[in-house]
C-alpha atoms as a PDB file:
ATOM      1  CA  MET A   1      90.666 133.365  68.415  1.00  0.00           C
ATOM      2  CA  ALA A   2      88.411 131.526  66.060  1.00  0.00           C
ATOM      3  CA  GLY A   3      89.476 128.073  65.037  1.00  0.00           C
ATOM      4  CA  LEU A   4      91.559 127.324  68.106  1.00  0.00           C
ATOM      5  CA  ARG A   5      90.628 124.138  69.925  1.00  0.00           C
ATOM      6  CA  TYR A   6      91.434 123.915  73.600  1.00  0.00           C
ATOM      7  CA  ASP A   7      92.123 120.390  74.868  1.00  0.00           C
ATOM      8  CA  LEU A   8      92.612 119.976  78.617  1.00  0.00           C
ATOM      9  CA  ALA A   9      94.545 116.785  77.966  1.00  0.00           C
ATOM     10  CA  ALA A  10      97.234 118.880  76.244  1.00  0.00           C
ATOM     11  CA  ILE A  11      98.122 120.635  79.518  1.00  0.00           C
ATOM     12  CA  VAL A  12     100.368 118.845  82.005  1.00  0.00           C
ATOM     13  CA  LEU A  13     100.628 119.690  85.681  1.00  0.00           C
ATOM     14  CA  ALA A  14     103.945 121.395  86.322  1.00  0.00           C
ATOM     15  CA  GLU A  15     104.868 122.917  89.649  1.00  0.00           C
ATOM     16  CA  CYS A  16     107.077 125.559  88.047  1.00  0.00           C
ATOM     17  CA  PRO A  17     106.333 125.785  84.333  1.00  0.00           C
ATOM     18  CA  ALA A  18     109.388 126.475  82.197  1.00  0.00           C
ATOM     19  CA  GLN A  19     109.223 129.480  79.929  1.00  0.00           C
ATOM     20  CA  LEU A  20     109.921 128.890  76.268  1.00  0.00           C
ATOM     21  CA  PRO A  21     111.031 131.529  73.759  1.00  0.00           C
ATOM     22  CA  GLY A  22     108.227 133.960  73.046  1.00  0.00           C
ATOM     23  CA  GLY A  23     106.889 133.715  76.606  1.00  0.00           C
ATOM     24  CA  TYR A  24     105.090 130.406  76.076  1.00  0.00           C
ATOM     25  CA  THR A  25     104.915 127.922  78.948  1.00  0.00           C
ATOM     26  CA  ASP A  26     106.360 124.425  78.516  1.00  0.00           C
ATOM     27  CA  LEU A  27     103.357 122.202  79.163  1.00  0.00           C
ATOM     28  CA  THR A  28     105.123 118.917  78.406  1.00  0.00           C
ATOM     29  CA  ARG A  29     106.880 118.592  81.735  1.00  0.00           C
ATOM     30  CA  THR A  30     106.263 115.503  83.808  1.00  0.00           C
ATOM     31  CA  MET A  31     103.277 115.543  86.113  1.00  0.00           C
ATOM     32  CA  ASN A  32     103.981 114.980  89.795  1.00  0.00           C
ATOM     33  CA  LEU A  33     101.482 112.308  90.903  1.00  0.00           C
ATOM     34  CA  SER A  34     103.128 111.925  94.295  1.00  0.00           C
ATOM     35  CA  SER A  35     101.799 115.337  95.251  1.00  0.00           C
ATOM     36  CA  LEU A  36      98.250 114.125  94.516  1.00  0.00           C
ATOM     37  CA  LEU A  37      98.226 110.484  95.634  1.00  0.00           C
ATOM     38  CA  TYR A  38      99.196 108.578  98.756  1.00  0.00           C
ATOM     39  CA  PRO A  39      99.311 104.790  99.213  1.00  0.00           C
ATOM     40  CA  ALA A  40      96.164 105.101 101.358  1.00  0.00           C
ATOM     41  CA  THR A  41      94.237 106.737  98.477  1.00  0.00           C
ATOM     42  CA  VAL A  42      94.889 103.992  95.911  1.00  0.00           C
ATOM     43  CA  ARG A  43      92.701 100.881  95.767  1.00  0.00           C
ATOM     44  CA  ALA A  44      92.884  97.832  93.479  1.00  0.00           C
ATOM     45  CA  HIS A  45      90.092  95.344  92.743  1.00  0.00           C
ATOM     46  CA  VAL A  46      87.309  97.499  94.191  1.00  0.00           C
ATOM     47  CA  GLN A  47      83.953  95.758  93.937  1.00  0.00           C
ATOM     48  CA  LEU A  48      81.126  98.147  93.106  1.00  0.00           C
ATOM     49  CA  ASP A  49      77.888  97.355  91.333  1.00  0.00           C
ATOM     50  CA  SER A  50      77.017 100.807  90.028  1.00  0.00           C
ATOM     51  CA  LYS A  51      77.983 104.428  89.599  1.00  0.00           C
ATOM     52  CA  LYS A  52      75.536 105.217  92.413  1.00  0.00           C
ATOM     53  CA  ALA A  53      77.613 103.074  94.811  1.00  0.00           C
ATOM     54  CA  LEU A  54      80.864 104.758  93.727  1.00  0.00           C
ATOM     55  CA  PHE A  55      80.421 108.149  95.373  1.00  0.00           C
ATOM     56  CA  PRO A  56      79.711 106.889  98.926  1.00  0.00           C
ATOM     57  CA  PHE A  57      82.688 104.523  98.580  1.00  0.00           C
ATOM     58  CA  VAL A  58      84.956 107.404  97.520  1.00  0.00           C
ATOM     59  CA  GLY A  59      83.556 109.538 100.345  1.00  0.00           C
ATOM     60  CA  ASP A  60      84.440 106.840 102.887  1.00  0.00           C
ATOM     61  CA  LEU A  61      87.925 106.402 101.406  1.00  0.00           C
ATOM     62  CA  ALA A  62      88.518 110.173 101.459  1.00  0.00           C
ATOM     63  CA  SER A  63      87.317 110.299 105.047  1.00  0.00           C
ATOM     64  CA  ARG A  64      89.676 107.526 106.178  1.00  0.00           C
ATOM     65  CA  SER A  65      92.702 108.602 104.139  1.00  0.00           C
ATOM     66  CA  LEU A  66      92.402 112.392 103.932  1.00  0.00           C
ATOM     67  CA  GLY A  67      90.288 113.261 106.979  1.00  0.00           C
ATOM     68  CA  LEU A  68      87.464 114.741 104.913  1.00  0.00           C
ATOM     69  CA  ASP A  69      83.750 114.455 105.615  1.00  0.00           C
ATOM     70  CA  ALA A  70      82.503 111.394 103.694  1.00  0.00           C
ATOM     71  CA  GLY A  71      79.066 112.855 102.991  1.00  0.00           C
ATOM     72  CA  GLU A  72      80.462 116.157 101.716  1.00  0.00           C
ATOM     73  CA  VAL A  73      82.877 114.377  99.364  1.00  0.00           C
ATOM     74  CA  SER A  74      80.168 112.084  98.040  1.00  0.00           C
ATOM     75  CA  GLU A  75      77.712 114.950  97.513  1.00  0.00           C
ATOM     76  CA  ALA A  76      80.295 117.230  95.851  1.00  0.00           C
ATOM     77  CA  LEU A  77      81.250 114.501  93.372  1.00  0.00           C
ATOM     78  CA  LEU A  78      77.626 113.621  92.683  1.00  0.00           C
ATOM     79  CA  GLU A  79      76.752 117.291  92.153  1.00  0.00           C
ATOM     80  CA  ARG A  80      79.546 117.627  89.579  1.00  0.00           C
ATOM     81  CA  GLU A  81      78.517 114.381  87.880  1.00  0.00           C
ATOM     82  CA  ARG A  82      74.977 115.734  87.449  1.00  0.00           C
ATOM     83  CA  LEU A  83      76.434 118.372  85.113  1.00  0.00           C
ATOM     84  CA  GLY A  84      77.661 115.637  82.789  1.00  0.00           C
ATOM     85  CA  SER A  85      79.538 112.373  82.944  1.00  0.00           C
ATOM     86  CA  THR A  86      83.214 112.509  83.813  1.00  0.00           C
ATOM     87  CA  GLY A  87      83.714 109.235  81.947  1.00  0.00           C
ATOM     88  CA  PHE A  88      85.960 110.308  79.080  1.00  0.00           C
ATOM     89  CA  GLY A  89      86.239 107.018  77.227  1.00  0.00           C
ATOM     90  CA  ARG A  90      88.107 103.705  76.934  1.00  0.00           C
ATOM     91  CA  GLY A  91      86.936 102.595  80.384  1.00  0.00           C
ATOM     92  CA  ILE A  92      88.310 105.618  82.236  1.00  0.00           C
ATOM     93  CA  ALA A  93      86.610 108.304  84.331  1.00  0.00           C
ATOM     94  CA  LEU A  94      87.916 111.382  86.110  1.00  0.00           C
ATOM     95  CA  PRO A  95      85.338 112.428  88.726  1.00  0.00           C
ATOM     96  CA  HIS A  96      86.303 115.722  90.336  1.00  0.00           C
ATOM     97  CA  ALA A  97      85.000 118.372  92.693  1.00  0.00           C
ATOM     98  CA  LYS A  98      86.055 121.451  94.603  1.00  0.00           C
ATOM     99  CA  MET A  99      85.686 121.424  98.363  1.00  0.00           C
ATOM    100  CA  ALA A 100      86.317 123.488 101.458  1.00  0.00           C
ATOM    101  CA  ASP A 101      88.799 122.183 104.043  1.00  0.00           C
ATOM    102  CA  LEU A 102      91.456 121.176 101.515  1.00  0.00           C
ATOM    103  CA  THR A 103      94.898 122.771 101.425  1.00  0.00           C
ATOM    104  CA  GLY A 104      95.859 121.346  98.030  1.00  0.00           C
ATOM    105  CA  VAL A 105      94.697 119.176  95.164  1.00  0.00           C
ATOM    106  CA  ARG A 106      94.331 115.529  96.242  1.00  0.00           C
ATOM    107  CA  GLY A 107      93.699 112.373  94.268  1.00  0.00           C
ATOM    108  CA  LEU A 108      92.228 108.941  94.833  1.00  0.00           C
ATOM    109  CA  PHE A 109      92.650 106.120  92.334  1.00  0.00           C
ATOM    110  CA  LEU A 110      90.373 103.109  91.963  1.00  0.00           C
ATOM    111  CA  GLN A 111      90.806 100.040  89.803  1.00  0.00           C
ATOM    112  CA  LEU A 112      87.435  98.288  89.689  1.00  0.00           C
ATOM    113  CA  SER A 113      87.231  94.507  89.657  1.00  0.00           C
ATOM    114  CA  ARG A 114      84.361  94.745  87.167  1.00  0.00           C
ATOM    115  CA  PRO A 115      83.510  97.720  84.903  1.00  0.00           C
ATOM    116  CA  ILE A 116      80.399  99.763  85.727  1.00  0.00           C
ATOM    117  CA  ASP A 117      78.148 101.845  83.507  1.00  0.00           C
ATOM    118  CA  PHE A 118      79.231 105.477  83.746  1.00  0.00           C
ATOM    119  CA  ASN A 119      77.453 107.140  80.814  1.00  0.00           C
ATOM    120  CA  ALA A 120      80.903 107.750  79.331  1.00  0.00           C
ATOM    121  CA  VAL A 121      81.220 109.647  76.068  1.00  0.00           C
ATOM    122  CA  ASP A 122      82.000 106.433  74.158  1.00  0.00           C
ATOM    123  CA  GLY A 123      79.334 104.374  75.940  1.00  0.00           C
ATOM    124  CA  LEU A 124      81.886 101.917  77.379  1.00  0.00           C
ATOM    125  CA  PRO A 125      81.724 100.926  81.053  1.00  0.00           C
ATOM    126  CA  VAL A 126      84.435 102.255  83.371  1.00  0.00           C
ATOM    127  CA  ASP A 127      87.013 100.290  85.365  1.00  0.00           C
ATOM    128  CA  LEU A 128      89.686 102.939  86.087  1.00  0.00           C
ATOM    129  CA  LEU A 129      88.816 106.061  88.077  1.00  0.00           C
ATOM    130  CA  PHE A 130      91.069 108.900  89.135  1.00  0.00           C
ATOM    131  CA  VAL A 131      89.144 111.129  91.551  1.00  0.00           C
ATOM    132  CA  LEU A 132      90.415 114.691  92.028  1.00  0.00           C
ATOM    133  CA  LEU A 133      89.438 116.858  94.980  1.00  0.00           C
ATOM    134  CA  SER A 134      90.572 120.478  95.023  1.00  0.00           C
ATOM    135  CA  PRO A 135      90.245 123.500  97.306  1.00  0.00           C
ATOM    136  CA  LEU A 136      87.514 125.956  96.347  1.00  0.00           C
ATOM    137  CA  ASP A 137      90.083 128.529  95.201  1.00  0.00           C
ATOM    138  CA  ALA A 138      92.301 126.132  93.211  1.00  0.00           C
ATOM    139  CA  GLY A 139      91.205 127.304  89.753  1.00  0.00           C
ATOM    140  CA  ALA A 140      94.372 126.864  87.680  1.00  0.00           C
ATOM    141  CA  ASP A 141      95.808 124.061  89.829  1.00  0.00           C
ATOM    142  CA  HIS A 142      92.539 122.135  89.533  1.00  0.00           C
ATOM    143  CA  LEU A 143      92.500 122.490  85.735  1.00  0.00           C
ATOM    144  CA  LYS A 144      96.182 121.570  85.415  1.00  0.00           C
ATOM    145  CA  ALA A 145      95.690 118.463  87.543  1.00  0.00           C
ATOM    146  CA  LEU A 146      92.625 117.420  85.514  1.00  0.00           C
ATOM    147  CA  ALA A 147      94.530 117.882  82.284  1.00  0.00           C
ATOM    148  CA  GLY A 148      97.661 116.102  83.456  1.00  0.00           C
ATOM    149  CA  VAL A 149      95.788 113.097  84.825  1.00  0.00           C
ATOM    150  CA  SER A 150      93.676 112.936  81.677  1.00  0.00           C
ATOM    151  CA  ARG A 151      96.760 112.996  79.505  1.00  0.00           C
ATOM    152  CA  MET A 152      98.418 110.241  81.517  1.00  0.00           C
ATOM    153  CA  LEU A 153      95.355 107.991  81.493  1.00  0.00           C
ATOM    154  CA  ARG A 154      94.819 108.415  77.746  1.00  0.00           C
ATOM    155  CA  ASN A 155      98.116 106.589  77.233  1.00  0.00           C
ATOM    156  CA  GLU A 156      96.951 103.054  76.386  1.00  0.00           C
ATOM    157  CA  ALA A 157     100.112 101.388  77.700  1.00  0.00           C
ATOM    158  CA  ILE A 158      99.733 103.093  81.081  1.00  0.00           C
ATOM    159  CA  ALA A 159      96.040 102.214  81.290  1.00  0.00           C
ATOM    160  CA  GLU A 160      96.755  98.555  80.533  1.00  0.00           C
ATOM    161  CA  ARG A 161      99.480  98.396  83.199  1.00  0.00           C
ATOM    162  CA  LEU A 162      97.069  99.921  85.712  1.00  0.00           C
ATOM    163  CA  ARG A 163      94.397  97.361  84.791  1.00  0.00           C
ATOM    164  CA  GLY A 164      96.908  94.560  85.344  1.00  0.00           C
ATOM    165  CA  ALA A 165      97.973  95.589  88.863  1.00  0.00           C
ATOM    166  CA  LYS A 166      97.235  92.872  91.409  1.00  0.00           C
ATOM    167  CA  SER A 167      97.295  94.860  94.677  1.00  0.00           C
ATOM    168  CA  ASP A 168      96.950  98.357  96.159  1.00  0.00           C
ATOM    169  CA  GLU A 169     100.727  98.506  96.581  1.00  0.00           C
ATOM    170  CA  ALA A 170     101.435  97.443  92.990  1.00  0.00           C
ATOM    171  CA  LEU A 171      98.913  99.954  91.691  1.00  0.00           C
ATOM    172  CA  TYR A 172     100.452 102.783  93.721  1.00  0.00           C
ATOM    173  CA  ALA A 173     103.955 101.784  92.574  1.00  0.00           C
ATOM    174  CA  LEU A 174     102.816 101.894  88.941  1.00  0.00           C
ATOM    175  CA  LEU A 175     101.231 105.311  89.388  1.00  0.00           C
ATOM    176  CA  ALA A 176     104.283 106.699  91.173  1.00  0.00           C
ATOM    177  CA  ASP A 177     106.609 105.227  88.518  1.00  0.00           C
ATOM    178  CA  THR A 178     104.436 106.557  85.677  1.00  0.00           C
ATOM    179  CA  GLU A 179     105.139 110.149  86.628  1.00  0.00           C
ATOM    180  CA  THR A 180     108.838 109.741  86.002  1.00  0.00           C
ATOM    181  CA  ARG A 181     108.695 107.589  82.880  1.00  0.00           C
ATOM    182  CA  ASP A 182     105.545 108.081  80.886  1.00  0.00           C
ATOM    183  CA  ALA A 183     103.482 111.154  81.678  1.00  0.00           C
ATOM    184  CA  ALA A 184     105.405 113.737  79.675  1.00  0.00           C
END
């Protein structure tokens, strides 16, 4: 299929995709962030000095909030990041990894108090991070979650609201509200 361009951001996570005429799947349905995030996995005003400090911090947060091994989370994310930066531009990154001991796709969201260098595609430092952790066998679900989160975060109005959140609770409320109003 020469000439076709596949864009992960064009796919939206849908638990039960609707079928359109011709057998095509409706990929514009609203993404369900509440199945990925919990209040305990969302942090506002995180103070980190570097990308290197990010992965141990995320590992510790995943350990406390999801019961995962902090070192394994940190190493899995770092291993994926070595393949290429997950910073996709405009101050946003989407670090992700597949791991054993997960029963479903899980997310952690960080709003940094000060942007850090992330080797993003546009060269801008990153201050919003949505971390996705998926089971080893979550092929399609992992890709759908990546695409849906990417699509949501590319919306400039959503990103600005997330940057303006003053607390963990406000940030989580914005993310939970976004799924019903803005992600489709």
